[in-house]
Amino acid sequence: MYIVVLTSFGIRTIDGGFNWLHVLSVLTFCTLTAGLWAIRKRNIRAHRSFMTGSYFGLIGAFVSVVAVPSRRIPQLAIHELPLPGLLILVLLGTATLTVIGIAQLCKPRTVQTAR
């Protein structure tokens, strides 16, 4: 996520400036940093809140990019059909691995005692 946030500052407006979306990049950078700080301090509730907020922000950004027909992703879906299909497969694979990871985290751990 840090790589995505930092590279977003390389995307500028036509006149070379920043716009309001870069404020969201700064916010995402701050919430990621706060989430990492919270987990280092073993504050799981705060970490979960920061990471959930970052995740939903990412989902919102994705939906806003896809929802505007003049943007690149909808145009790509119209003109280059195999590539969006591949991207969808990658996203489904990522979602599957995320669900598996969450299931592993939710499993009760068995404690082995030394005899």
PDB file of N, CA and C in Angstrom:
ATOM      1  N   MET A   1       0.827  -1.193   0.000  1.00  0.00           N
ATOM      2  CA  MET A   1       0.000   0.000   0.000  1.00  0.00           C
ATOM      3  C   MET A   1       0.868   1.251   0.000  1.00  0.00           C
ATOM      4  N   TYR A   2       1.985   1.208   0.700  1.00  0.00           N
ATOM      5  CA  TYR A   2       2.852   2.384   0.698  1.00  0.00           C
ATOM      6  C   TYR A   2       3.354   2.692  -0.711  1.00  0.00           C
ATOM      7  N   ILE A   3       3.664   1.658  -1.468  1.00  0.00           N
ATOM      8  CA  ILE A   3       4.141   1.871  -2.836  1.00  0.00           C
ATOM      9  C   ILE A   3       3.054   2.532  -3.672  1.00  0.00           C
ATOM     10  N   VAL A   4       1.829   2.062  -3.537  1.00  0.00           N
ATOM     11  CA  VAL A   4       0.721   2.652  -4.287  1.00  0.00           C
ATOM     12  C   VAL A   4       0.516   4.108  -3.882  1.00  0.00           C
ATOM     13  N   VAL A   5       0.538   4.373  -2.592  1.00  0.00           N
ATOM     14  CA  VAL A   5       0.338   5.745  -2.113  1.00  0.00           C
ATOM     15  C   VAL A   5       1.449   6.658  -2.631  1.00  0.00           C
ATOM     16  N   LEU A   6       2.686   6.215  -2.516  1.00  0.00           N
ATOM     17  CA  LEU A   6       3.800   7.074  -2.934  1.00  0.00           C
ATOM     18  C   LEU A   6       3.819   7.295  -4.437  1.00  0.00           C
ATOM     19  N   THR A   7       3.491   6.268  -5.212  1.00  0.00           N
ATOM     20  CA  THR A   7       3.465   6.458  -6.662  1.00  0.00           C
ATOM     21  C   THR A   7       2.290   7.313  -7.112  1.00  0.00           C
ATOM     22  N   SER A   8       1.257   7.434  -6.282  1.00  0.00           N
ATOM     23  CA  SER A   8       0.121   8.282  -6.669  1.00  0.00           C
ATOM     24  C   SER A   8       0.538   9.744  -6.786  1.00  0.00           C
ATOM     25  N   PHE A   9       1.596  10.139  -6.108  1.00  0.00           N
ATOM     26  CA  PHE A   9       2.054  11.523  -6.205  1.00  0.00           C
ATOM     27  C   PHE A   9       2.763  11.806  -7.524  1.00  0.00           C
ATOM     28  N   GLY A  10       3.082  10.766  -8.271  1.00  0.00           N
ATOM     29  CA  GLY A  10       3.636  10.944  -9.605  1.00  0.00           C
ATOM     30  C   GLY A  10       2.562  11.221 -10.644  1.00  0.00           C
ATOM     31  N   ILE A  11       1.314  10.991 -10.291  1.00  0.00           N
ATOM     32  CA  ILE A  11       0.192  11.253 -11.198  1.00  0.00           C
ATOM     33  C   ILE A  11      -0.293  12.667 -10.916  1.00  0.00           C
ATOM     34  N   ARG A  12      -0.169  13.509 -11.895  1.00  0.00           N
ATOM     35  CA  ARG A  12      -0.525  14.922 -11.717  1.00  0.00           C
ATOM     36  C   ARG A  12      -1.679  15.304 -12.635  1.00  0.00           C
ATOM     37  N   THR A  13      -2.210  16.490 -12.417  1.00  0.00           N
ATOM     38  CA  THR A  13      -3.244  17.027 -13.293  1.00  0.00           C
ATOM     39  C   THR A  13      -2.598  17.481 -14.597  1.00  0.00           C
ATOM     40  N   ILE A  14      -3.402  17.908 -15.536  1.00  0.00           N
ATOM     41  CA  ILE A  14      -2.883  18.327 -16.839  1.00  0.00           C
ATOM     42  C   ILE A  14      -1.891  19.478 -16.699  1.00  0.00           C
ATOM     43  N   ASP A  15      -2.137  20.385 -15.778  1.00  0.00           N
ATOM     44  CA  ASP A  15      -1.220  21.513 -15.593  1.00  0.00           C
ATOM     45  C   ASP A  15      -0.062  21.188 -14.655  1.00  0.00           C
ATOM     46  N   GLY A  16       0.066  19.935 -14.241  1.00  0.00           N
ATOM     47  CA  GLY A  16       1.209  19.501 -13.443  1.00  0.00           C
ATOM     48  C   GLY A  16       1.042  19.624 -11.944  1.00  0.00           C
ATOM     49  N   GLY A  17      -0.151  19.950 -11.498  1.00  0.00           N
ATOM     50  CA  GLY A  17      -0.371  20.126 -10.068  1.00  0.00           C
ATOM     51  C   GLY A  17      -1.030  18.917  -9.421  1.00  0.00           C
ATOM     52  N   PHE A  18      -1.383  19.100  -8.162  1.00  0.00           N
ATOM     53  CA  PHE A  18      -2.082  18.069  -7.420  1.00  0.00           C
ATOM     54  C   PHE A  18      -3.565  18.419  -7.359  1.00  0.00           C
ATOM     55  N   ASN A  19      -4.394  17.432  -7.055  1.00  0.00           N
ATOM     56  CA  ASN A  19      -5.827  17.703  -6.882  1.00  0.00           C
ATOM     57  C   ASN A  19      -6.284  17.099  -5.557  1.00  0.00           C
ATOM     58  N   TRP A  20      -7.590  17.096  -5.340  1.00  0.00           N
ATOM     59  CA  TRP A  20      -8.132  16.653  -4.053  1.00  0.00           C
ATOM     60  C   TRP A  20      -7.875  15.175  -3.788  1.00  0.00           C
ATOM     61  N   LEU A  21      -7.646  14.379  -4.833  1.00  0.00           N
ATOM     62  CA  LEU A  21      -7.371  12.959  -4.618  1.00  0.00           C
ATOM     63  C   LEU A  21      -6.038  12.734  -3.905  1.00  0.00           C
ATOM     64  N   HIS A  22      -5.117  13.686  -4.062  1.00  0.00           N
ATOM     65  CA  HIS A  22      -3.836  13.548  -3.376  1.00  0.00           C
ATOM     66  C   HIS A  22      -3.989  13.737  -1.862  1.00  0.00           C
ATOM     67  N   VAL A  23      -5.018  14.458  -1.461  1.00  0.00           N
ATOM     68  CA  VAL A  23      -5.311  14.578  -0.026  1.00  0.00           C
ATOM     69  C   VAL A  23      -5.684  13.201   0.524  1.00  0.00           C
ATOM     70  N   LEU A  24      -6.436  12.429  -0.271  1.00  0.00           N
ATOM     71  CA  LEU A  24      -6.790  11.069   0.153  1.00  0.00           C
ATOM     72  C   LEU A  24      -5.547  10.180   0.229  1.00  0.00           C
ATOM     73  N   SER A  25      -4.578  10.421  -0.643  1.00  0.00           N
ATOM     74  CA  SER A  25      -3.322   9.667  -0.572  1.00  0.00           C
ATOM     75  C   SER A  25      -2.580   9.968   0.723  1.00  0.00           C
ATOM     76  N   VAL A  26      -2.563  11.238   1.108  1.00  0.00           N
ATOM     77  CA  VAL A  26      -1.926  11.616   2.378  1.00  0.00           C
ATOM     78  C   VAL A  26      -2.667  10.966   3.543  1.00  0.00           C
ATOM     79  N   LEU A  27      -4.004  10.978   3.494  1.00  0.00           N
ATOM     80  CA  LEU A  27      -4.807  10.346   4.543  1.00  0.00           C
ATOM     81  C   LEU A  27      -4.514   8.849   4.621  1.00  0.00           C
ATOM     82  N   THR A  28      -4.420   8.190   3.467  1.00  0.00           N
ATOM     83  CA  THR A  28      -4.120   6.764   3.445  1.00  0.00           C
ATOM     84  C   THR A  28      -2.735   6.495   4.018  1.00  0.00           C
ATOM     85  N   PHE A  29      -1.765   7.320   3.671  1.00  0.00           N
ATOM     86  CA  PHE A  29      -0.415   7.164   4.220  1.00  0.00           C
ATOM     87  C   PHE A  29      -0.452   7.264   5.743  1.00  0.00           C
ATOM     88  N   CYS A  30      -1.217   8.219   6.249  1.00  0.00           N
ATOM     89  CA  CYS A  30      -1.312   8.407   7.707  1.00  0.00           C
ATOM     90  C   CYS A  30      -2.018   7.230   8.381  1.00  0.00           C
ATOM     91  N   THR A  31      -3.107   6.734   7.780  1.00  0.00           N
ATOM     92  CA  THR A  31      -3.823   5.626   8.420  1.00  0.00           C
ATOM     93  C   THR A  31      -3.007   4.336   8.368  1.00  0.00           C
ATOM     94  N   LEU A  32      -2.256   4.130   7.289  1.00  0.00           N
ATOM     95  CA  LEU A  32      -1.387   2.951   7.244  1.00  0.00           C
ATOM     96  C   LEU A  32      -0.312   3.024   8.316  1.00  0.00           C
ATOM     97  N   THR A  33       0.287   4.195   8.452  1.00  0.00           N
ATOM     98  CA  THR A  33       1.329   4.377   9.457  1.00  0.00           C
ATOM     99  C   THR A  33       0.760   4.203  10.863  1.00  0.00           C
ATOM    100  N   ALA A  34      -0.425   4.779  11.102  1.00  0.00           N
ATOM    101  CA  ALA A  34      -1.058   4.630  12.414  1.00  0.00           C
ATOM    102  C   ALA A  34      -1.414   3.168  12.688  1.00  0.00           C
ATOM    103  N   GLY A  35      -1.871   2.450  11.659  1.00  0.00           N
ATOM    104  CA  GLY A  35      -2.190   1.031  11.832  1.00  0.00           C
ATOM    105  C   GLY A  35      -0.963   0.206  12.161  1.00  0.00           C
ATOM    106  N   LEU A  36       0.145   0.495  11.494  1.00  0.00           N
ATOM    107  CA  LEU A  36       1.387  -0.219  11.808  1.00  0.00           C
ATOM    108  C   LEU A  36       1.884   0.133  13.210  1.00  0.00           C
ATOM    109  N   TRP A  37       1.752   1.393  13.573  1.00  0.00           N
ATOM    110  CA  TRP A  37       2.165   1.818  14.916  1.00  0.00           C
ATOM    111  C   TRP A  37       1.314   1.106  15.977  1.00  0.00           C
ATOM    112  N   ALA A  38       0.002   1.015  15.708  1.00  0.00           N
ATOM    113  CA  ALA A  38      -0.902   0.378  16.670  1.00  0.00           C
ATOM    114  C   ALA A  38      -0.554  -1.093  16.861  1.00  0.00           C
ATOM    115  N   ILE A  39      -0.247  -1.800  15.785  1.00  0.00           N
ATOM    116  CA  ILE A  39       0.051  -3.230  15.935  1.00  0.00           C
ATOM    117  C   ILE A  39       1.397  -3.423  16.625  1.00  0.00           C
ATOM    118  N   ARG A  40       2.318  -2.492  16.412  1.00  0.00           N
ATOM    119  CA  ARG A  40       3.608  -2.594  17.125  1.00  0.00           C
ATOM    120  C   ARG A  40       3.421  -2.398  18.629  1.00  0.00           C
ATOM    121  N   LYS A  41       2.408  -1.601  18.978  1.00  0.00           N
ATOM    122  CA  LYS A  41       2.089  -1.376  20.396  1.00  0.00           C
ATOM    123  C   LYS A  41       1.108  -2.417  20.924  1.00  0.00           C
ATOM    124  N   ARG A  42       0.783  -3.412  20.089  1.00  0.00           N
ATOM    125  CA  ARG A  42      -0.119  -4.505  20.422  1.00  0.00           C
ATOM    126  C   ARG A  42      -1.558  -4.043  20.707  1.00  0.00           C
ATOM    127  N   ASN A  43      -1.945  -2.946  20.042  1.00  0.00           N
ATOM    128  CA  ASN A  43      -3.313  -2.460  20.150  1.00  0.00           C
ATOM    129  C   ASN A  43      -4.075  -2.974  18.926  1.00  0.00           C
ATOM    130  N   ILE A  44      -4.611  -4.172  19.063  1.00  0.00           N
ATOM    131  CA  ILE A  44      -5.234  -4.849  17.933  1.00  0.00           C
ATOM    132  C   ILE A  44      -6.503  -4.131  17.487  1.00  0.00           C
ATOM    133  N   ARG A  45      -7.272  -3.627  18.406  1.00  0.00           N
ATOM    134  CA  ARG A  45      -8.518  -2.932  18.048  1.00  0.00           C
ATOM    135  C   ARG A  45      -8.230  -1.695  17.190  1.00  0.00           C
ATOM    136  N   ALA A  46      -7.247  -0.896  17.576  1.00  0.00           N
ATOM    137  CA  ALA A  46      -6.897   0.295  16.789  1.00  0.00           C
ATOM    138  C   ALA A  46      -6.332  -0.108  15.431  1.00  0.00           C
ATOM    139  N   HIS A  47      -5.481  -1.142  15.413  1.00  0.00           N
ATOM    140  CA  HIS A  47      -4.909  -1.622  14.159  1.00  0.00           C
ATOM    141  C   HIS A  47      -6.018  -2.062  13.207  1.00  0.00           C
ATOM    142  N   ARG A  48      -6.956  -2.837  13.720  1.00  0.00           N
ATOM    143  CA  ARG A  48      -8.061  -3.320  12.894  1.00  0.00           C
ATOM    144  C   ARG A  48      -8.867  -2.150  12.337  1.00  0.00           C
ATOM    145  N   SER A  49      -9.104  -1.137  13.153  1.00  0.00           N
ATOM    146  CA  SER A  49      -9.877   0.022  12.697  1.00  0.00           C
ATOM    147  C   SER A  49      -9.156   0.770  11.583  1.00  0.00           C
ATOM    148  N   PHE A  50      -7.864   1.013  11.771  1.00  0.00           N
ATOM    149  CA  PHE A  50      -7.108   1.727  10.740  1.00  0.00           C
ATOM    150  C   PHE A  50      -7.023   0.930   9.436  1.00  0.00           C
ATOM    151  N   MET A  51      -6.785  -0.354   9.546  1.00  0.00           N
ATOM    152  CA  MET A  51      -6.656  -1.166   8.338  1.00  0.00           C
ATOM    153  C   MET A  51      -8.003  -1.339   7.633  1.00  0.00           C
ATOM    154  N   THR A  52      -9.083  -1.463   8.408  1.00  0.00           N
ATOM    155  CA  THR A  52     -10.413  -1.554   7.807  1.00  0.00           C
ATOM    156  C   THR A  52     -10.763  -0.264   7.084  1.00  0.00           C
ATOM    157  N   GLY A  53     -10.438   0.860   7.699  1.00  0.00           N
ATOM    158  CA  GLY A  53     -10.672   2.152   7.048  1.00  0.00           C
ATOM    159  C   GLY A  53      -9.880   2.293   5.758  1.00  0.00           C
ATOM    160  N   SER A  54      -8.630   1.865   5.775  1.00  0.00           N
ATOM    161  CA  SER A  54      -7.815   1.915   4.562  1.00  0.00           C
ATOM    162  C   SER A  54      -8.392   1.011   3.479  1.00  0.00           C
ATOM    163  N   TYR A  55      -8.848  -0.158   3.883  1.00  0.00           N
ATOM    164  CA  TYR A  55      -9.417  -1.106   2.923  1.00  0.00           C
ATOM    165  C   TYR A  55     -10.674  -0.541   2.271  1.00  0.00           C
ATOM    166  N   PHE A  56     -11.590  -0.008   3.082  1.00  0.00           N
ATOM    167  CA  PHE A  56     -12.813   0.549   2.513  1.00  0.00           C
ATOM    168  C   PHE A  56     -12.533   1.788   1.670  1.00  0.00           C
ATOM    169  N   GLY A  57     -11.503   2.550   2.029  1.00  0.00           N
ATOM    170  CA  GLY A  57     -11.090   3.668   1.191  1.00  0.00           C
ATOM    171  C   GLY A  57     -10.604   3.189  -0.159  1.00  0.00           C
ATOM    172  N   LEU A  58      -9.865   2.090  -0.166  1.00  0.00           N
ATOM    173  CA  LEU A  58      -9.387   1.506  -1.419  1.00  0.00           C
ATOM    174  C   LEU A  58     -10.556   1.024  -2.269  1.00  0.00           C
ATOM    175  N   ILE A  59     -11.538   0.388  -1.636  1.00  0.00           N
ATOM    176  CA  ILE A  59     -12.726  -0.068  -2.364  1.00  0.00           C
ATOM    177  C   ILE A  59     -13.472   1.135  -2.955  1.00  0.00           C
ATOM    178  N   GLY A  60     -13.606   2.198  -2.165  1.00  0.00           N
ATOM    179  CA  GLY A  60     -14.283   3.409  -2.661  1.00  0.00           C
ATOM    180  C   GLY A  60     -13.564   4.030  -3.840  1.00  0.00           C
ATOM    181  N   ALA A  61     -12.240   4.067  -3.775  1.00  0.00           N
ATOM    182  CA  ALA A  61     -11.464   4.614  -4.892  1.00  0.00           C
ATOM    183  C   ALA A  61     -11.645   3.757  -6.135  1.00  0.00           C
ATOM    184  N   PHE A  62     -11.638   2.436  -5.963  1.00  0.00           N
ATOM    185  CA  PHE A  62     -11.827   1.537  -7.104  1.00  0.00           C
ATOM    186  C   PHE A  62     -13.196   1.740  -7.736  1.00  0.00           C
ATOM    187  N   VAL A  63     -14.236   1.804  -6.913  1.00  0.00           N
ATOM    188  CA  VAL A  63     -15.591   1.986  -7.441  1.00  0.00           C
ATOM    189  C   VAL A  63     -15.704   3.325  -8.163  1.00  0.00           C
ATOM    190  N   SER A  64     -15.095   4.374  -7.614  1.00  0.00           N
ATOM    191  CA  SER A  64     -15.188   5.675  -8.269  1.00  0.00           C
ATOM    192  C   SER A  64     -14.452   5.693  -9.598  1.00  0.00           C
ATOM    193  N   VAL A  65     -13.374   4.948  -9.720  1.00  0.00           N
ATOM    194  CA  VAL A  65     -12.646   4.881 -10.990  1.00  0.00           C
ATOM    195  C   VAL A  65     -13.439   4.080 -12.012  1.00  0.00           C
ATOM    196  N   VAL A  66     -14.037   2.988 -11.592  1.00  0.00           N
ATOM    197  CA  VAL A  66     -14.778   2.134 -12.515  1.00  0.00           C
ATOM    198  C   VAL A  66     -16.112   2.768 -12.915  1.00  0.00           C
ATOM    199  N   ALA A  67     -16.710   3.547 -12.028  1.00  0.00           N
ATOM    200  CA  ALA A  67     -18.045   4.077 -12.277  1.00  0.00           C
ATOM    201  C   ALA A  67     -18.081   5.174 -13.336  1.00  0.00           C
ATOM    202  N   VAL A  68     -16.969   5.836 -13.584  1.00  0.00           N
ATOM    203  CA  VAL A  68     -16.946   6.927 -14.562  1.00  0.00           C
ATOM    204  C   VAL A  68     -16.587   6.346 -15.929  1.00  0.00           C
ATOM    205  N   PRO A  69     -17.512   6.393 -16.895  1.00  0.00           N
ATOM    206  CA  PRO A  69     -17.281   5.728 -18.183  1.00  0.00           C
ATOM    207  C   PRO A  69     -16.103   6.282 -18.981  1.00  0.00           C
ATOM    208  N   SER A  70     -15.749   7.531 -18.783  1.00  0.00           N
ATOM    209  CA  SER A  70     -14.656   8.107 -19.574  1.00  0.00           C
ATOM    210  C   SER A  70     -13.277   7.762 -19.020  1.00  0.00           C
ATOM    211  N   ARG A  71     -13.216   7.109 -17.881  1.00  0.00           N
ATOM    212  CA  ARG A  71     -11.930   6.738 -17.297  1.00  0.00           C
ATOM    213  C   ARG A  71     -11.326   5.558 -18.039  1.00  0.00           C
ATOM    214  N   ARG A  72     -10.091   5.223 -17.729  1.00  0.00           N
ATOM    215  CA  ARG A  72      -9.374   4.194 -18.477  1.00  0.00           C
ATOM    216  C   ARG A  72      -9.908   2.782 -18.257  1.00  0.00           C
ATOM    217  N   ILE A  73     -10.300   2.438 -17.043  1.00  0.00           N
ATOM    218  CA  ILE A  73     -10.714   1.062 -16.773  1.00  0.00           C
ATOM    219  C   ILE A  73     -11.974   0.683 -17.562  1.00  0.00           C
ATOM    220  N   PRO A  74     -13.043   1.510 -17.575  1.00  0.00           N
ATOM    221  CA  PRO A  74     -14.185   1.129 -18.412  1.00  0.00           C
ATOM    222  C   PRO A  74     -13.838   1.101 -19.905  1.00  0.00           C
ATOM    223  N   GLN A  75     -12.985   2.009 -20.350  1.00  0.00           N
ATOM    224  CA  GLN A  75     -12.577   2.001 -21.756  1.00  0.00           C
ATOM    225  C   GLN A  75     -11.787   0.735 -22.071  1.00  0.00           C
ATOM    226  N   LEU A  76     -10.957   0.320 -21.125  1.00  0.00           N
ATOM    227  CA  LEU A  76     -10.178  -0.898 -21.297  1.00  0.00           C
ATOM    228  C   LEU A  76     -11.105  -2.110 -21.414  1.00  0.00           C
ATOM    229  N   ALA A  77     -12.165  -2.113 -20.621  1.00  0.00           N
ATOM    230  CA  ALA A  77     -13.109  -3.228 -20.665  1.00  0.00           C
ATOM    231  C   ALA A  77     -13.830  -3.300 -22.008  1.00  0.00           C
ATOM    232  N   ILE A  78     -14.006  -2.158 -22.655  1.00  0.00           N
ATOM    233  CA  ILE A  78     -14.691  -2.138 -23.951  1.00  0.00           C
ATOM    234  C   ILE A  78     -13.743  -2.544 -25.080  1.00  0.00           C
ATOM    235  N   HIS A  79     -12.518  -2.032 -25.066  1.00  0.00           N
ATOM    236  CA  HIS A  79     -11.612  -2.190 -26.201  1.00  0.00           C
ATOM    237  C   HIS A  79     -10.616  -3.337 -26.066  1.00  0.00           C
ATOM    238  N   GLU A  80     -10.309  -3.751 -24.870  1.00  0.00           N
ATOM    239  CA  GLU A  80      -9.305  -4.811 -24.637  1.00  0.00           C
ATOM    240  C   GLU A  80      -9.898  -5.843 -23.684  1.00  0.00           C
ATOM    241  N   LEU A  81     -10.841  -6.622 -24.151  1.00  0.00           N
ATOM    242  CA  LEU A  81     -11.598  -7.513 -23.277  1.00  0.00           C
ATOM    243  C   LEU A  81     -10.767  -8.561 -22.534  1.00  0.00           C
ATOM    244  N   PRO A  82      -9.743  -9.211 -23.129  1.00  0.00           N
ATOM    245  CA  PRO A  82      -9.017 -10.242 -22.371  1.00  0.00           C
ATOM    246  C   PRO A  82      -8.267  -9.693 -21.140  1.00  0.00           C
ATOM    247  N   LEU A  83      -7.751  -8.487 -21.225  1.00  0.00           N
ATOM    248  CA  LEU A  83      -6.991  -7.939 -20.104  1.00  0.00           C
ATOM    249  C   LEU A  83      -7.852  -7.724 -18.856  1.00  0.00           C
ATOM    250  N   PRO A  84      -9.038  -7.099 -18.970  1.00  0.00           N
ATOM    251  CA  PRO A  84      -9.884  -6.999 -17.761  1.00  0.00           C
ATOM    252  C   PRO A  84     -10.282  -8.359 -17.203  1.00  0.00           C
ATOM    253  N   GLY A  85     -10.459  -9.349 -18.082  1.00  0.00           N
ATOM    254  CA  GLY A  85     -10.766 -10.698 -17.598  1.00  0.00           C
ATOM    255  C   GLY A  85      -9.637 -11.250 -16.748  1.00  0.00           C
ATOM    256  N   LEU A  86      -8.412 -11.024 -17.201  1.00  0.00           N
ATOM    257  CA  LEU A  86      -7.247 -11.455 -16.429  1.00  0.00           C
ATOM    258  C   LEU A  86      -7.179 -10.711 -15.100  1.00  0.00           C
ATOM    259  N   LEU A  87      -7.461  -9.417 -15.132  1.00  0.00           N
ATOM    260  CA  LEU A  87      -7.451  -8.636 -13.891  1.00  0.00           C
ATOM    261  C   LEU A  87      -8.515  -9.129 -12.915  1.00  0.00           C
ATOM    262  N   ILE A  88      -9.671  -9.494 -13.445  1.00  0.00           N
ATOM    263  CA  ILE A  88     -10.737 -10.028 -12.583  1.00  0.00           C
ATOM    264  C   ILE A  88     -10.290 -11.345 -11.946  1.00  0.00           C
ATOM    265  N   LEU A  89      -9.621 -12.200 -12.712  1.00  0.00           N
ATOM    266  CA  LEU A  89      -9.114 -13.459 -12.148  1.00  0.00           C
ATOM    267  C   LEU A  89      -8.091 -13.201 -11.039  1.00  0.00           C
ATOM    268  N   VAL A  90      -7.225 -12.226 -11.250  1.00  0.00           N
ATOM    269  CA  VAL A  90      -6.240 -11.877 -10.220  1.00  0.00           C
ATOM    270  C   VAL A  90      -6.941 -11.361  -8.969  1.00  0.00           C
ATOM    271  N   LEU A  91      -7.951 -10.511  -9.150  1.00  0.00           N
ATOM    272  CA  LEU A  91      -8.698 -10.000  -7.998  1.00  0.00           C
ATOM    273  C   LEU A  91      -9.431 -11.115  -7.260  1.00  0.00           C
ATOM    274  N   LEU A  92     -10.016 -12.043  -8.008  1.00  0.00           N
ATOM    275  CA  LEU A  92     -10.698 -13.171  -7.364  1.00  0.00           C
ATOM    276  C   LEU A  92      -9.711 -14.045  -6.604  1.00  0.00           C
ATOM    277  N   GLY A  93      -8.530 -14.258  -7.174  1.00  0.00           N
ATOM    278  CA  GLY A  93      -7.496 -15.021  -6.473  1.00  0.00           C
ATOM    279  C   GLY A  93      -7.056 -14.330  -5.198  1.00  0.00           C
ATOM    280  N   THR A  94      -6.886 -13.015  -5.275  1.00  0.00           N
ATOM    281  CA  THR A  94      -6.510 -12.249  -4.089  1.00  0.00           C
ATOM    282  C   THR A  94      -7.596 -12.323  -3.027  1.00  0.00           C
ATOM    283  N   ALA A  95      -8.847 -12.188  -3.450  1.00  0.00           N
ATOM    284  CA  ALA A  95      -9.954 -12.271  -2.491  1.00  0.00           C
ATOM    285  C   ALA A  95     -10.024 -13.654  -1.850  1.00  0.00           C
ATOM    286  N   THR A  96      -9.796 -14.697  -2.645  1.00  0.00           N
ATOM    287  CA  THR A  96      -9.810 -16.062  -2.109  1.00  0.00           C
ATOM    288  C   THR A  96      -8.718 -16.254  -1.070  1.00  0.00           C
ATOM    289  N   LEU A  97      -7.513 -15.796  -1.390  1.00  0.00           N
ATOM    290  CA  LEU A  97      -6.409 -15.918  -0.438  1.00  0.00           C
ATOM    291  C   LEU A  97      -6.660 -15.100   0.824  1.00  0.00           C
ATOM    292  N   THR A  98      -7.310 -13.953   0.673  1.00  0.00           N
ATOM    293  CA  THR A  98      -7.643 -13.141   1.845  1.00  0.00           C
ATOM    294  C   THR A  98      -8.632 -13.863   2.740  1.00  0.00           C
ATOM    295  N   VAL A  99      -9.651 -14.474   2.148  1.00  0.00           N
ATOM    296  CA  VAL A  99     -10.643 -15.219   2.939  1.00  0.00           C
ATOM    297  C   VAL A  99      -9.984 -16.399   3.639  1.00  0.00           C
ATOM    298  N   ILE A 100      -9.089 -17.094   2.942  1.00  0.00           N
ATOM    299  CA  ILE A 100      -8.373 -18.218   3.561  1.00  0.00           C
ATOM    300  C   ILE A 100      -7.526 -17.723   4.728  1.00  0.00           C
ATOM    301  N   GLY A 101      -6.856 -16.582   4.537  1.00  0.00           N
ATOM    302  CA  GLY A 101      -6.043 -16.013   5.618  1.00  0.00           C
ATOM    303  C   GLY A 101      -6.875 -15.626   6.821  1.00  0.00           C
ATOM    304  N   ILE A 102      -8.030 -15.022   6.573  1.00  0.00           N
ATOM    305  CA  ILE A 102      -8.915 -14.648   7.679  1.00  0.00           C
ATOM    306  C   ILE A 102      -9.422 -15.892   8.398  1.00  0.00           C
ATOM    307  N   ALA A 103      -9.743 -16.934   7.629  1.00  0.00           N
ATOM    308  CA  ALA A 103     -10.205 -18.177   8.251  1.00  0.00           C
ATOM    309  C   ALA A 103      -9.109 -18.777   9.128  1.00  0.00           C
ATOM    310  N   GLN A 104      -7.868 -18.696   8.672  1.00  0.00           N
ATOM    311  CA  GLN A 104      -6.755 -19.206   9.475  1.00  0.00           C
ATOM    312  C   GLN A 104      -6.576 -18.395  10.755  1.00  0.00           C
ATOM    313  N   LEU A 105      -6.780 -17.079  10.667  1.00  0.00           N
ATOM    314  CA  LEU A 105      -6.657 -16.240  11.860  1.00  0.00           C
ATOM    315  C   LEU A 105      -7.773 -16.508  12.860  1.00  0.00           C
ATOM    316  N   CYS A 106      -8.954 -16.867  12.356  1.00  0.00           N
ATOM    317  CA  CYS A 106     -10.103 -17.089  13.235  1.00  0.00           C
ATOM    318  C   CYS A 106     -10.116 -18.471  13.870  1.00  0.00           C
ATOM    319  N   LYS A 107      -9.295 -19.390  13.369  1.00  0.00           N
ATOM    320  CA  LYS A 107      -9.247 -20.730  13.945  1.00  0.00           C
ATOM    321  C   LYS A 107      -8.682 -20.665  15.359  1.00  0.00           C
ATOM    322  N   PRO A 108      -9.266 -21.408  16.260  1.00  0.00           N
ATOM    323  CA  PRO A 108      -8.678 -21.447  17.601  1.00  0.00           C
ATOM    324  C   PRO A 108      -7.331 -22.170  17.550  1.00  0.00           C
ATOM    325  N   ARG A 109      -6.389 -21.600  18.229  1.00  0.00           N
ATOM    326  CA  ARG A 109      -5.060 -22.204  18.253  1.00  0.00           C
ATOM    327  C   ARG A 109      -5.010 -23.305  19.308  1.00  0.00           C
ATOM    328  N   THR A 110      -4.344 -24.368  18.972  1.00  0.00           N
ATOM    329  CA  THR A 110      -4.136 -25.437  19.954  1.00  0.00           C
ATOM    330  C   THR A 110      -2.779 -25.230  20.580  1.00  0.00           C
ATOM    331  N   VAL A 111      -2.767 -25.270  21.872  1.00  0.00           N
ATOM    332  CA  VAL A 111      -1.536 -25.085  22.612  1.00  0.00           C
ATOM    333  C   VAL A 111      -0.962 -26.451  22.952  1.00  0.00           C
ATOM    334  N   GLN A 112       0.258 -26.659  22.541  1.00  0.00           N
ATOM    335  CA  GLN A 112       0.899 -27.934  22.846  1.00  0.00           C
ATOM    336  C   GLN A 112       1.722 -27.756  24.114  1.00  0.00           C
ATOM    337  N   THR A 113       1.529 -28.680  25.012  1.00  0.00           N
ATOM    338  CA  THR A 113       2.269 -28.615  26.262  1.00  0.00           C
ATOM    339  C   THR A 113       3.457 -29.586  26.197  1.00  0.00           C
ATOM    340  N   ALA A 114       4.520 -29.196  26.836  1.00  0.00           N
ATOM    341  CA  ALA A 114       5.693 -30.053  26.885  1.00  0.00           C
ATOM    342  C   ALA A 114       5.469 -31.116  27.947  1.00  0.00           C
ATOM    343  N   ARG A 115       5.888 -32.334  27.641  1.00  0.00           N
ATOM    344  CA  ARG A 115       5.702 -33.420  28.613  1.00  0.00           C
ATOM    345  C   ARG A 115       6.997 -33.777  29.272  1.00  0.00           C
TER     346      ARG A 115
END
